[in-house]
């Protein structure tokens, strides 16, 4: 199966977190600190963030919150930049963009691309580097301008793209761009974490993510709504189902014993299970009541986690050696 070798970084990841959570930043004065990230929103809706990387480096960036169209387009542009070895002018065919996004109308693809580039061009990065000899600031737009023709798109990039937005790589399945908002964001989060935690993956190629972390990344905050089941639980479960079903569709028809063995070994790119109860609880008499309680109690729901299984093919591709060769 075809895969996308996708550049990313902590800054790129945080840009997505900020965009997903933009609606949760209510006032200019309210600052939110998460690990080593501090950000706030001004009256014009611009997000300003400070990201600390140890004692020697610090990075400030500003952006208009990216909608899902802009997030998908940014990922696609970074994929193309990597393929072309980070040129000053990144170019791609509109048809390739349509294939990644699962868009069938060229006119619609053109409009989506035009809107996304207008937002992406507003990403500003100010980088501070402290060395023994000097203290240096460097400020630049990530992308300076873009031009879209009937069949091609050109976007002018700066060194910020290579040095700040693309510090390492992960692998996206080729079907990822066709997912809807929550499913796309969840899938990119999963593959980002898989690449970051490769050494801790278990022998069966699985790892876990807490549902609280998923809720935070997607910007689904329980404190901002009383309709927890409809606006948090169901959207997360819908995203899980969409990823599982889309991955399953990529499995080819079983025609030989060898095909069957591949399926048994995990030929499906990814499989996600929602876990809340222990084995002891699963055998309890009040099992059904426990499930009802979880469905109607956001605290119980967010105390659970996702068990994520990746195919051997994906695991092999996201190892540092494989990524370097791609």
Protein backbone atom coordinates (compact mmCIF):
# COMPACT_ATOMS: atom_id res chain seq x y z
CA UNK A 1 0.00 0.00 0.00
CA UNK A 2 1.18 3.50 -0.79
CA UNK A 3 2.12 5.69 2.18
CA UNK A 4 2.92 9.37 2.58
CA UNK A 5 6.30 10.19 4.12
CA UNK A 6 5.10 13.23 6.09
CA UNK A 7 7.36 15.89 7.63
CA UNK A 8 6.32 17.30 10.99
CA UNK A 9 7.73 18.86 14.18
CA UNK A 10 6.64 19.90 17.65
CA UNK A 11 5.74 23.33 16.23
CA UNK A 12 3.67 21.83 13.39
CA UNK A 13 1.92 19.59 15.92
CA UNK A 14 1.24 22.55 18.23
CA UNK A 15 -0.16 24.61 15.35
CA UNK A 16 -2.79 21.88 14.97
CA UNK A 17 -3.49 21.81 18.72
CA UNK A 18 -3.96 25.58 18.75
CA UNK A 19 -6.24 25.51 15.71
CA UNK A 20 -8.41 22.75 17.17
CA UNK A 21 -8.66 24.62 20.48
CA UNK A 22 -9.11 28.15 19.11
CA UNK A 23 -12.76 28.27 20.15
CA UNK A 24 -11.71 27.53 23.75
CA UNK A 25 -9.62 30.70 24.05
CA UNK A 26 -12.26 33.17 25.13
CA UNK A 27 -10.43 36.43 25.88
CA UNK A 28 -7.26 38.33 25.09
CA UNK A 29 -6.07 38.11 28.69
CA UNK A 30 -6.62 34.39 29.12
CA UNK A 31 -3.45 32.39 28.56
CA UNK A 32 -3.35 28.61 28.44
CA UNK A 33 -0.20 26.71 29.32
CA UNK A 34 0.23 23.12 28.21
CA UNK A 35 3.58 21.50 28.96
CA UNK A 36 6.08 23.85 27.30
CA UNK A 37 3.52 25.80 25.25
CA UNK A 38 1.89 29.12 26.20
CA UNK A 39 -0.58 30.81 23.88
CA UNK A 40 -3.21 33.52 23.74
CA UNK A 41 -5.58 35.06 21.21
CA UNK A 42 -5.89 38.78 20.44
CA UNK A 43 -8.98 40.77 19.48
CA UNK A 44 -8.39 40.12 15.77
CA UNK A 45 -8.46 36.36 16.28
CA UNK A 46 -4.70 35.87 15.82
CA UNK A 47 -3.11 33.21 18.04
CA UNK A 48 0.29 34.02 19.52
CA UNK A 49 2.32 31.22 21.08
CA UNK A 50 5.63 30.68 22.80
CA UNK A 51 7.15 27.24 22.56
CA UNK A 52 10.22 26.51 24.68
CA UNK A 53 12.77 23.92 23.63
CA UNK A 54 15.15 23.71 26.56
CA UNK A 55 17.38 26.51 27.80
CA UNK A 56 18.99 27.27 24.48
CA UNK A 57 16.10 27.64 22.06
CA UNK A 58 12.73 29.33 22.05
CA UNK A 59 10.21 29.88 19.31
CA UNK A 60 7.33 32.32 18.95
CA UNK A 61 4.74 31.90 16.26
CA UNK A 62 1.50 33.53 15.22
CA UNK A 63 -1.29 32.34 12.98
CA UNK A 64 -4.94 32.55 12.17
CA UNK A 65 -6.51 29.30 13.40
CA UNK A 66 -6.37 26.70 10.64
CA UNK A 67 -9.65 25.02 9.75
CA UNK A 68 -9.62 21.36 8.68
CA UNK A 69 -9.27 22.37 5.02
CA UNK A 70 -6.12 24.38 5.83
CA UNK A 71 -4.72 21.63 8.10
CA UNK A 72 -5.08 19.00 5.37
CA UNK A 73 -3.59 21.38 2.80
CA UNK A 74 -0.63 22.22 5.04
CA UNK A 75 0.10 18.51 5.52
CA UNK A 76 -0.11 17.95 1.76
CA UNK A 77 2.23 20.88 1.01
CA UNK A 78 4.79 19.57 3.53
CA UNK A 79 4.61 16.13 1.90
CA UNK A 80 5.32 17.75 -1.48
CA UNK A 81 8.14 19.87 -0.02
CA UNK A 82 9.83 16.72 1.26
CA UNK A 83 9.47 14.95 -2.09
CA UNK A 84 11.09 17.94 -3.80
CA UNK A 85 13.90 18.29 -1.20
CA UNK A 86 12.59 21.59 0.20
CA UNK A 87 12.89 23.95 -2.74
CA UNK A 88 12.13 27.67 -2.53
CA UNK A 89 9.16 27.10 -4.83
CA UNK A 90 7.01 24.05 -3.98
CA UNK A 91 4.77 22.95 -6.81
CA UNK A 92 2.20 20.21 -7.34
CA UNK A 93 -0.52 19.14 -9.72
CA UNK A 94 -4.12 19.91 -8.76
CA UNK A 95 -5.01 16.28 -9.55
CA UNK A 96 -2.53 15.02 -6.91
CA UNK A 97 -4.14 17.36 -4.37
CA UNK A 98 -7.57 16.06 -5.36
CA UNK A 99 -6.43 12.47 -4.89
CA UNK A 100 -5.02 13.16 -1.41
CA UNK A 101 -8.20 14.95 -0.34
CA UNK A 102 -10.62 12.59 -2.04
CA UNK A 103 -12.09 15.48 -4.03
CA UNK A 104 -13.66 14.70 -7.42
CA UNK A 105 -14.43 18.23 -8.68
CA UNK A 106 -11.48 20.30 -9.93
CA UNK A 107 -13.44 23.52 -9.43
CA UNK A 108 -14.14 22.62 -5.79
CA UNK A 109 -10.51 21.59 -5.26
CA UNK A 110 -9.35 24.95 -6.66
CA UNK A 111 -11.61 26.86 -4.26
CA UNK A 112 -10.55 24.78 -1.24
CA UNK A 113 -6.88 25.21 -2.11
CA UNK A 114 -7.26 28.97 -2.61
CA UNK A 115 -8.94 29.38 0.80
CA UNK A 116 -6.37 27.19 2.57
CA UNK A 117 -3.33 28.95 1.12
CA UNK A 118 -4.74 32.31 2.14
CA UNK A 119 -4.77 31.07 5.77
CA UNK A 120 -1.44 29.22 5.62
CA UNK A 121 0.35 32.33 4.34
CA UNK A 122 -0.38 34.02 7.69
CA UNK A 123 1.84 31.64 9.70
CA UNK A 124 4.71 33.69 11.15
CA UNK A 125 7.62 32.13 13.07
CA UNK A 126 10.14 34.01 15.20
CA UNK A 127 13.00 31.80 16.31
CA UNK A 128 15.47 32.58 19.10
CA UNK A 129 18.76 30.72 19.28
CA UNK A 130 21.11 31.14 22.21
CA UNK A 131 24.71 30.00 21.84
CA UNK A 132 27.89 30.62 23.79
CA UNK A 133 28.86 33.39 21.39
CA UNK A 134 25.62 35.11 20.40
CA UNK A 135 21.87 35.54 20.82
CA UNK A 136 20.01 35.56 17.52
CA UNK A 137 16.42 36.25 16.53
CA UNK A 138 15.06 35.37 13.11
CA UNK A 139 11.53 36.17 12.00
CA UNK A 140 9.88 35.08 8.78
CA UNK A 141 6.70 33.90 7.17
CA UNK A 142 6.63 30.17 6.57
CA UNK A 143 5.07 30.67 3.14
CA UNK A 144 5.31 34.00 1.33
CA UNK A 145 2.93 33.68 -1.59
CA UNK A 146 1.10 31.16 -3.69
CA UNK A 147 -0.16 30.96 -7.24
CA UNK A 148 -2.79 28.54 -8.50
CA UNK A 149 -3.38 27.84 -12.19
CA UNK A 150 -5.92 25.50 -13.75
CA UNK A 151 -3.72 22.44 -13.29
CA UNK A 152 -0.86 23.42 -10.97
CA UNK A 153 -0.14 25.23 -7.73
CA UNK A 154 3.09 27.04 -6.78
CA UNK A 155 3.81 28.20 -3.23
CA UNK A 156 6.94 30.05 -2.14
CA UNK A 157 8.49 28.71 1.05
CA UNK A 158 11.24 29.91 3.40
CA UNK A 159 13.87 28.08 5.46
CA UNK A 160 11.31 28.12 8.31
CA UNK A 161 9.49 25.29 6.53
CA UNK A 162 12.56 23.05 6.47
CA UNK A 163 14.14 24.01 9.80
CA UNK A 164 11.08 24.54 12.01
CA UNK A 165 8.02 22.80 10.52
CA UNK A 166 9.81 19.71 9.17
CA UNK A 167 12.29 18.55 11.79
CA UNK A 168 11.37 14.86 11.59
CA UNK A 169 8.97 12.51 9.83
CA UNK A 170 6.02 10.25 10.31
CA UNK A 171 4.02 8.01 7.99
CA UNK A 172 0.45 8.66 6.85
CA UNK A 173 -1.59 5.95 5.10
CA UNK A 174 -2.58 7.05 1.60
CA UNK A 175 -6.27 7.15 2.58
CA UNK A 176 -5.85 9.64 5.44
CA UNK A 177 -6.74 12.78 3.44
CA UNK A 178 -10.21 11.42 2.68
CA UNK A 179 -11.22 11.38 6.36
CA UNK A 180 -13.57 13.97 7.85
CA UNK A 181 -12.46 16.55 10.43
CA UNK A 182 -12.36 14.65 13.73
CA UNK A 183 -11.21 11.40 12.12
CA UNK A 184 -8.42 13.16 10.21
CA UNK A 185 -7.20 15.01 13.29
CA UNK A 186 -7.33 11.84 15.40
CA UNK A 187 -5.48 9.82 12.74
CA UNK A 188 -2.70 12.41 12.39
CA UNK A 189 -2.42 12.52 16.20
CA UNK A 190 -2.08 8.74 16.36
CA UNK A 191 0.65 8.56 13.72
CA UNK A 192 2.48 11.51 15.27
CA UNK A 193 2.53 9.73 18.66
CA UNK A 194 3.45 6.39 17.08
CA UNK A 195 6.56 7.94 15.54
CA UNK A 196 7.46 9.69 18.81
CA UNK A 197 6.98 6.55 20.92
CA UNK A 198 8.33 3.92 18.57
CA UNK A 199 10.62 2.35 21.18
CA UNK A 200 7.76 1.86 23.64
CA UNK A 201 5.46 0.03 21.22
CA UNK A 202 4.63 -3.41 22.57
CA UNK A 203 5.46 -6.68 20.88
CA UNK A 204 2.04 -6.77 19.22
CA UNK A 205 2.64 -3.33 17.63
CA UNK A 206 0.17 -1.57 19.90
CA UNK A 207 0.17 1.44 22.17
CA UNK A 208 -2.42 3.41 24.12
CA UNK A 209 -3.70 6.98 24.19
CA UNK A 210 -5.95 8.26 26.95
CA UNK A 211 -9.36 9.51 25.87
CA UNK A 212 -8.67 12.68 27.86
CA UNK A 213 -5.63 13.36 25.63
CA UNK A 214 -7.75 12.70 22.53
CA UNK A 215 -10.46 15.05 23.79
CA UNK A 216 -7.89 17.78 24.48
CA UNK A 217 -6.22 17.44 21.07
CA UNK A 218 -9.53 17.57 19.20
CA UNK A 219 -10.62 20.62 21.20
CA UNK A 220 -13.66 18.80 22.64
CA UNK A 221 -13.67 20.30 26.14
CA UNK A 222 -16.29 18.99 28.61
CA UNK A 223 -16.24 22.25 30.57
CA UNK A 224 -17.53 24.15 27.53
CA UNK A 225 -20.74 22.18 27.02
CA UNK A 226 -23.34 20.28 29.03
CA UNK A 227 -24.18 18.03 26.06
CA UNK A 228 -21.28 15.67 26.66
CA UNK A 229 -22.63 12.59 24.91
CA UNK A 230 -23.68 14.41 21.72
CA UNK A 231 -20.75 16.85 21.45
CA UNK A 232 -17.84 14.84 22.87
CA UNK A 233 -18.47 11.10 23.27
CA UNK A 234 -20.28 10.53 19.96
CA UNK A 235 -17.83 12.62 17.84
CA UNK A 236 -14.84 10.73 19.27
CA UNK A 237 -16.51 7.35 18.69
CA UNK A 238 -17.53 8.46 15.21
CA UNK A 239 -13.91 9.34 14.42
CA UNK A 240 -12.72 5.94 15.69
CA UNK A 241 -15.31 4.13 13.58
CA UNK A 242 -14.46 6.13 10.45
CA UNK A 243 -10.73 5.38 10.77
CA UNK A 244 -11.35 1.67 11.35
CA UNK A 245 -13.77 1.37 8.44
CA UNK A 246 -11.60 3.38 6.03
CA UNK A 247 -8.55 1.27 6.88
CA UNK A 248 -10.52 -1.95 6.42
CA UNK A 249 -11.62 -0.88 2.95
CA UNK A 250 -8.00 -0.90 1.84
CA UNK A 251 -7.64 -4.65 2.50
CA UNK A 252 -7.65 -6.54 -0.76
CA UNK A 253 -9.87 -9.54 -1.40
CA UNK A 254 -8.48 -12.79 0.03
CA UNK A 255 -7.70 -15.08 -2.91
CA UNK A 256 -4.86 -17.25 -1.60
CA UNK A 257 -3.64 -18.74 1.67
CA UNK A 258 -0.80 -16.17 1.62
CA UNK A 259 -3.35 -13.34 1.48
CA UNK A 260 -5.17 -14.83 4.47
CA UNK A 261 -1.89 -15.01 6.43
CA UNK A 262 -1.18 -11.33 5.69
CA UNK A 263 -4.62 -10.35 6.97
CA UNK A 264 -4.12 -12.45 10.10
CA UNK A 265 -0.77 -10.77 10.73
CA UNK A 266 -2.37 -7.34 10.68
CA UNK A 267 -2.42 -6.22 7.05
CA UNK A 268 -4.96 -3.57 8.02
CA UNK A 269 -3.05 -0.31 8.52
CA UNK A 270 -4.62 0.49 11.86
CA UNK A 271 -7.26 -0.82 14.27
CA UNK A 272 -8.54 1.15 17.26
CA UNK A 273 -10.39 -0.22 20.29
CA UNK A 274 -12.02 1.84 23.02
CA UNK A 275 -11.20 0.41 26.46
CA UNK A 276 -12.83 1.25 29.79
CA UNK A 277 -13.35 -1.90 31.81
CA UNK A 278 -10.94 -4.41 33.33
CA UNK A 279 -11.29 -8.13 32.68
CA UNK A 280 -12.81 -8.50 36.14
CA UNK A 281 -15.37 -5.79 35.40
CA UNK A 282 -16.20 -7.37 32.03
CA UNK A 283 -17.19 -10.57 33.89
CA UNK A 284 -19.26 -8.74 36.48
CA UNK A 285 -23.04 -9.09 36.61
CA UNK A 286 -23.62 -5.35 36.28
CA UNK A 287 -21.56 -5.13 33.05
CA UNK A 288 -24.42 -3.60 31.01
CA UNK A 289 -25.09 -0.99 33.65
CA UNK A 290 -21.39 -0.06 33.62
CA UNK A 291 -21.56 0.56 29.87
CA UNK A 292 -24.65 2.74 30.32
CA UNK A 293 -22.87 4.71 33.04
CA UNK A 294 -19.87 5.29 30.76
CA UNK A 295 -22.12 6.48 27.94
CA UNK A 296 -23.74 9.05 30.17
CA UNK A 297 -20.85 10.16 32.38
CA UNK A 298 -18.10 12.22 30.73
CA UNK A 299 -15.69 11.66 33.63
CA UNK A 300 -15.98 7.87 33.34
CA UNK A 301 -15.66 8.08 29.56
CA UNK A 302 -12.52 10.25 29.63
CA UNK A 303 -10.94 7.91 32.19
CA UNK A 304 -10.77 5.27 29.46
CA UNK A 305 -8.19 4.90 26.72
CA UNK A 306 -7.72 3.80 23.13
CA UNK A 307 -5.77 0.64 22.36
CA UNK A 308 -4.24 1.17 18.92
CA UNK A 309 -2.80 -1.61 16.77
CA UNK A 310 -0.60 -0.72 13.79
CA UNK A 311 0.25 -3.13 10.99
CA UNK A 312 3.82 -4.50 10.75
CA UNK A 313 4.03 -2.63 7.45
CA UNK A 314 3.37 0.71 9.19
CA UNK A 315 5.76 -0.08 12.05
CA UNK A 316 8.52 -0.95 9.59
CA UNK A 317 7.99 2.25 7.64
CA UNK A 318 8.05 4.60 10.63
CA UNK A 319 11.39 3.33 11.98
CA UNK A 320 14.08 6.03 11.65
CA UNK A 321 16.10 3.92 9.20
CA UNK A 322 13.14 3.36 6.88
CA UNK A 323 12.06 7.00 7.00
CA UNK A 324 15.57 8.14 6.15
CA UNK A 325 15.61 5.89 3.08
CA UNK A 326 12.20 7.01 1.76
